């Protein structure tokens, strides 16, 4: 078994008006690119980590076409929620509707062959931003009102609490610990952050995340710090080819 990561698919098979083809450039024909990249690398016995922003759908009924499309691709898929996954339902409804090759992670832990995998969305925080590594970047925090920024920090704080609650339950015998977040848990230049310190505290081996798009080429981004490897897996950053984690 190999473990792959591939996030921010932004599918919209049920609503062509929301297709990422609108942005042209690298996104032109992106669904076909995702399919080709997936089938050229991933086998049925493999595990695929999808760190959020799976579909533009707003309700579970609208996302089923996208999930069924992913279901037909090889491998077992582990999903977490992204900031654009408005369709993401309760755990009970998800378990009722989700295709058989997928598992959505809430506060539970996937454990197989001494490999533990879990995740949470995280959120925006004043600790860092990514203007220096993203094309056509702007800092959304610069135009937000103080009460909105305060609200962001409250959400981020709750996500950190959820993150620690999950990490505390990682099996002690796990030989490989992988954590998924949608928002990056650390700045691109690996400056200390609350989330990164928590990953170090619970001896996570690697963290898989997405969210960033239009990333500038040729920059040295993320990497390893204090025993934790950080992998940006937005599909456009990976040229629509999944990243081999293990």
Protein backbone atom coordinates (compact mmCIF):
# COMPACT_ATOMS: atom_id res chain seq x y z
CA UNK A 1 0.00 0.00 0.00
CA UNK A 2 1.14 3.51 -0.86
CA UNK A 3 -0.23 6.70 0.68
CA UNK A 4 -0.97 9.62 -1.65
CA UNK A 5 -2.30 13.14 -1.06
CA UNK A 6 -4.34 15.30 -3.42
CA UNK A 7 -6.48 18.21 -2.16
CA UNK A 8 -8.62 21.11 -3.39
CA UNK A 9 -10.26 19.25 -6.25
CA UNK A 10 -13.02 21.91 -6.41
CA UNK A 11 -15.31 19.66 -8.43
CA UNK A 12 -18.57 20.98 -9.83
CA UNK A 13 -19.90 18.25 -12.10
CA UNK A 14 -23.48 19.03 -11.08
CA UNK A 15 -23.08 22.79 -11.68
CA UNK A 16 -20.84 23.68 -14.67
CA UNK A 17 -21.20 27.40 -13.88
CA UNK A 18 -18.93 26.87 -10.85
CA UNK A 19 -16.25 24.99 -12.78
CA UNK A 20 -12.65 26.05 -12.13
CA UNK A 21 -12.21 26.14 -15.92
CA UNK A 22 -13.43 29.74 -15.54
CA UNK A 23 -9.97 30.72 -14.26
CA UNK A 24 -8.29 29.32 -17.39
CA UNK A 25 -4.51 28.78 -17.31
CA UNK A 26 -3.59 25.70 -15.30
CA UNK A 27 -7.24 25.08 -14.42
CA UNK A 28 -8.32 24.54 -18.04
CA UNK A 29 -9.56 20.95 -18.32
CA UNK A 30 -8.73 20.36 -14.66
CA UNK A 31 -11.21 17.51 -14.13
CA UNK A 32 -9.58 15.49 -16.91
CA UNK A 33 -6.14 16.37 -15.54
CA UNK A 34 -7.11 15.16 -12.07
CA UNK A 35 -8.46 11.92 -13.50
CA UNK A 36 -5.35 11.26 -15.60
CA UNK A 37 -2.95 12.12 -12.78
CA UNK A 38 -4.89 9.93 -10.37
CA UNK A 39 -5.11 6.89 -12.66
CA UNK A 40 -1.47 7.16 -13.73
CA UNK A 41 -0.21 6.93 -10.13
CA UNK A 42 -2.75 5.47 -7.73
CA UNK A 43 -3.69 1.81 -7.52
CA UNK A 44 -6.75 0.20 -5.98
CA UNK A 45 -4.84 -0.96 -2.88
CA UNK A 46 -3.53 2.55 -2.14
CA UNK A 47 -4.77 5.18 0.33
CA UNK A 48 -5.54 8.73 -0.82
CA UNK A 49 -5.72 11.71 1.57
CA UNK A 50 -7.96 14.57 0.41
CA UNK A 51 -7.48 17.64 2.62
CA UNK A 52 -10.66 19.54 1.87
CA UNK A 53 -12.32 21.74 -0.75
CA UNK A 54 -13.63 18.70 -2.53
CA UNK A 55 -16.69 20.23 -4.21
CA UNK A 56 -18.46 23.55 -4.80
CA UNK A 57 -21.84 21.97 -4.00
CA UNK A 58 -23.85 23.55 -1.21
CA UNK A 59 -25.95 20.55 -0.18
CA UNK A 60 -25.38 16.82 0.14
CA UNK A 61 -27.77 16.11 -2.71
CA UNK A 62 -25.68 18.31 -5.01
CA UNK A 63 -22.33 16.78 -4.11
CA UNK A 64 -23.25 13.16 -4.79
CA UNK A 65 -22.26 13.38 -8.47
CA UNK A 66 -18.80 14.61 -7.46
CA UNK A 67 -18.39 11.97 -4.76
CA UNK A 68 -19.49 9.22 -7.12
CA UNK A 69 -16.94 10.45 -9.67
CA UNK A 70 -14.18 10.23 -7.04
CA UNK A 71 -15.51 6.83 -5.92
CA UNK A 72 -14.84 5.37 -9.38
CA UNK A 73 -11.15 6.32 -9.15
CA UNK A 74 -8.70 3.81 -7.63
CA UNK A 75 -7.86 3.66 -3.94
CA UNK A 76 -9.50 4.19 -0.57
CA UNK A 77 -10.07 7.88 0.14
CA UNK A 78 -9.94 9.74 3.47
CA UNK A 79 -11.60 13.16 3.45
CA UNK A 80 -11.63 16.21 5.69
CA UNK A 81 -13.69 19.37 5.37
CA UNK A 82 -12.37 22.50 3.61
CA UNK A 83 -13.62 26.06 3.95
CA UNK A 84 -15.60 25.73 0.69
CA UNK A 85 -17.21 22.39 1.50
CA UNK A 86 -20.58 23.93 2.36
CA UNK A 87 -22.27 20.62 1.56
CA UNK A 88 -20.50 18.78 4.40
CA UNK A 89 -23.29 17.25 6.57
CA UNK A 90 -23.52 15.65 9.99
CA UNK A 91 -21.50 12.52 10.55
CA UNK A 92 -24.59 10.30 10.53
CA UNK A 93 -25.82 11.70 7.20
CA UNK A 94 -22.34 11.46 5.72
CA UNK A 95 -22.03 7.80 6.72
CA UNK A 96 -25.44 7.15 5.15
CA UNK A 97 -24.67 8.84 1.81
CA UNK A 98 -20.93 8.62 1.18
CA UNK A 99 -19.70 6.04 -1.39
CA UNK A 100 -18.06 2.89 -0.10
CA UNK A 101 -14.48 3.77 -1.13
CA UNK A 102 -14.48 6.87 1.08
CA UNK A 103 -14.35 7.74 4.74
CA UNK A 104 -14.95 11.24 6.07
CA UNK A 105 -12.93 12.07 9.18
CA UNK A 106 -14.60 14.09 11.92
CA UNK A 107 -12.93 13.62 15.31
CA UNK A 108 -12.20 9.96 14.65
CA UNK A 109 -8.90 8.35 13.69
CA UNK A 110 -8.23 6.01 10.80
CA UNK A 111 -5.87 3.27 11.99
CA UNK A 112 -4.40 0.49 9.87
CA UNK A 113 -1.06 -1.34 9.87
CA UNK A 114 0.19 0.88 12.73
CA UNK A 115 -0.54 3.99 10.66
CA UNK A 116 -2.77 6.60 12.33
CA UNK A 117 -4.43 9.32 10.25
CA UNK A 118 -6.79 12.08 11.38
CA UNK A 119 -7.53 15.70 10.62
CA UNK A 120 -9.43 18.94 11.09
CA UNK A 121 -10.05 22.02 8.96
CA UNK A 122 -8.19 24.69 10.99
CA UNK A 123 -8.91 28.32 10.01
CA UNK A 124 -7.37 31.67 9.17
CA UNK A 125 -5.18 33.22 11.86
CA UNK A 126 -3.08 36.35 12.36
CA UNK A 127 -0.01 34.18 13.05
CA UNK A 128 0.90 34.15 9.37
CA UNK A 129 -0.31 34.79 5.83
CA UNK A 130 1.01 33.81 2.41
CA UNK A 131 1.17 36.99 0.32
CA UNK A 132 4.84 36.42 -0.46
CA UNK A 133 4.33 33.04 -2.11
CA UNK A 134 1.02 33.35 -3.97
CA UNK A 135 0.55 35.01 -7.37
CA UNK A 136 -1.91 37.92 -7.49
CA UNK A 137 -1.98 37.75 -3.72
CA UNK A 138 -3.81 40.03 -1.41
CA UNK A 139 -4.17 39.87 2.32
CA UNK A 140 -7.89 39.34 3.04
CA UNK A 141 -7.29 40.28 6.66
CA UNK A 142 -6.40 43.85 5.60
CA UNK A 143 -10.01 44.59 4.58
CA UNK A 144 -11.76 42.76 7.39
CA UNK A 145 -13.30 44.58 10.32
CA UNK A 146 -11.89 44.10 13.84
CA UNK A 147 -14.97 42.13 14.92
CA UNK A 148 -14.51 39.78 11.94
CA UNK A 149 -10.84 39.25 12.79
CA UNK A 150 -11.83 38.53 16.37
CA UNK A 151 -14.37 36.02 15.08
CA UNK A 152 -11.66 34.36 12.97
CA UNK A 153 -9.45 33.93 16.02
CA UNK A 154 -12.32 32.34 17.96
CA UNK A 155 -12.87 29.81 15.18
CA UNK A 156 -9.14 29.13 14.98
CA UNK A 157 -8.98 28.62 18.75
CA UNK A 158 -11.85 26.09 18.60
CA UNK A 159 -10.13 24.28 15.74
CA UNK A 160 -6.92 24.07 17.80
CA UNK A 161 -8.89 22.58 20.69
CA UNK A 162 -10.43 20.04 18.33
CA UNK A 163 -7.00 19.29 16.90
CA UNK A 164 -5.53 18.56 20.33
CA UNK A 165 -8.51 16.43 21.36
CA UNK A 166 -7.91 14.26 18.30
CA UNK A 167 -4.13 14.08 18.71
CA UNK A 168 -4.48 12.99 22.34
CA UNK A 169 -6.28 9.87 21.12
CA UNK A 170 -3.66 8.76 18.62
CA UNK A 171 -2.71 5.14 19.41
CA UNK A 172 0.55 5.04 21.32
CA UNK A 173 1.72 2.07 19.25
CA UNK A 174 1.33 3.92 15.93
CA UNK A 175 4.58 3.91 13.98
CA UNK A 176 3.43 6.57 11.50
CA UNK A 177 1.27 9.53 12.49
CA UNK A 178 -0.27 11.66 9.77
CA UNK A 179 -2.46 14.69 10.37
CA UNK A 180 -4.51 16.50 7.73
CA UNK A 181 -5.57 20.14 7.89
CA UNK A 182 -7.18 22.20 5.18
CA UNK A 183 -5.57 25.51 6.12
CA UNK A 184 -1.77 25.37 6.36
CA UNK A 185 -0.71 24.84 10.01
CA UNK A 186 2.54 26.75 9.55
CA UNK A 187 3.94 29.54 7.39
CA UNK A 188 5.72 28.68 4.15
CA UNK A 189 9.06 29.61 5.75
CA UNK A 190 8.36 27.30 8.74
CA UNK A 191 8.11 29.91 11.46
CA UNK A 192 6.79 28.61 14.77
CA UNK A 193 3.01 28.49 15.16
CA UNK A 194 0.55 27.16 17.70
CA UNK A 195 -0.61 24.41 15.36
CA UNK A 196 2.94 23.37 14.49
CA UNK A 197 3.93 23.22 18.15
CA UNK A 198 0.96 20.96 18.78
CA UNK A 199 1.96 18.62 15.96
CA UNK A 200 5.45 18.43 17.45
CA UNK A 201 4.08 17.81 20.94
CA UNK A 202 2.15 14.76 19.79
CA UNK A 203 4.99 13.49 17.60
CA UNK A 204 3.18 13.74 14.28
CA UNK A 205 5.40 12.58 11.42
CA UNK A 206 3.81 14.58 8.64
CA UNK A 207 1.01 17.05 8.03
CA UNK A 208 -0.89 17.22 4.75
CA UNK A 209 -2.83 20.39 3.84
CA UNK A 210 -4.08 22.49 0.94
CA UNK A 211 -6.03 25.77 0.57
CA UNK A 212 -3.28 27.71 -1.24
CA UNK A 213 -3.63 28.32 -4.98
CA UNK A 214 -1.66 30.21 -7.64
CA UNK A 215 1.54 29.49 -5.73
CA UNK A 216 4.62 31.10 -7.25
CA UNK A 217 6.99 28.75 -9.02
CA UNK A 218 10.58 28.20 -7.95
CA UNK A 219 10.18 29.06 -4.28
CA UNK A 220 11.29 26.82 -1.45
CA UNK A 221 8.08 26.24 0.48
CA UNK A 222 7.41 24.29 3.67
CA UNK A 223 9.55 21.17 4.21
CA UNK A 224 10.54 19.64 7.56
CA UNK A 225 10.83 21.24 10.99
CA UNK A 226 11.41 19.62 14.38
CA UNK A 227 10.60 16.17 13.05
CA UNK A 228 7.36 17.12 11.24
CA UNK A 229 7.19 17.09 7.44
CA UNK A 230 4.77 19.58 5.86
CA UNK A 231 3.17 18.82 2.49
CA UNK A 232 1.17 21.34 0.44
CA UNK A 233 -1.14 19.22 -1.73
CA UNK A 234 -3.42 21.65 -3.60
CA UNK A 235 -3.92 19.93 -6.93
CA UNK A 236 -2.90 22.94 -9.06
CA UNK A 237 0.30 23.27 -7.00
CA UNK A 238 1.03 19.60 -7.78
CA UNK A 239 0.29 20.07 -11.50
CA UNK A 240 -2.72 17.80 -10.97
CA UNK A 241 -0.58 14.80 -10.04
CA UNK A 242 -1.01 13.23 -6.57
CA UNK A 243 1.86 13.51 -4.09
CA UNK A 244 3.38 10.30 -2.70
CA UNK A 245 3.56 10.55 1.10
CA UNK A 246 4.69 6.99 1.87
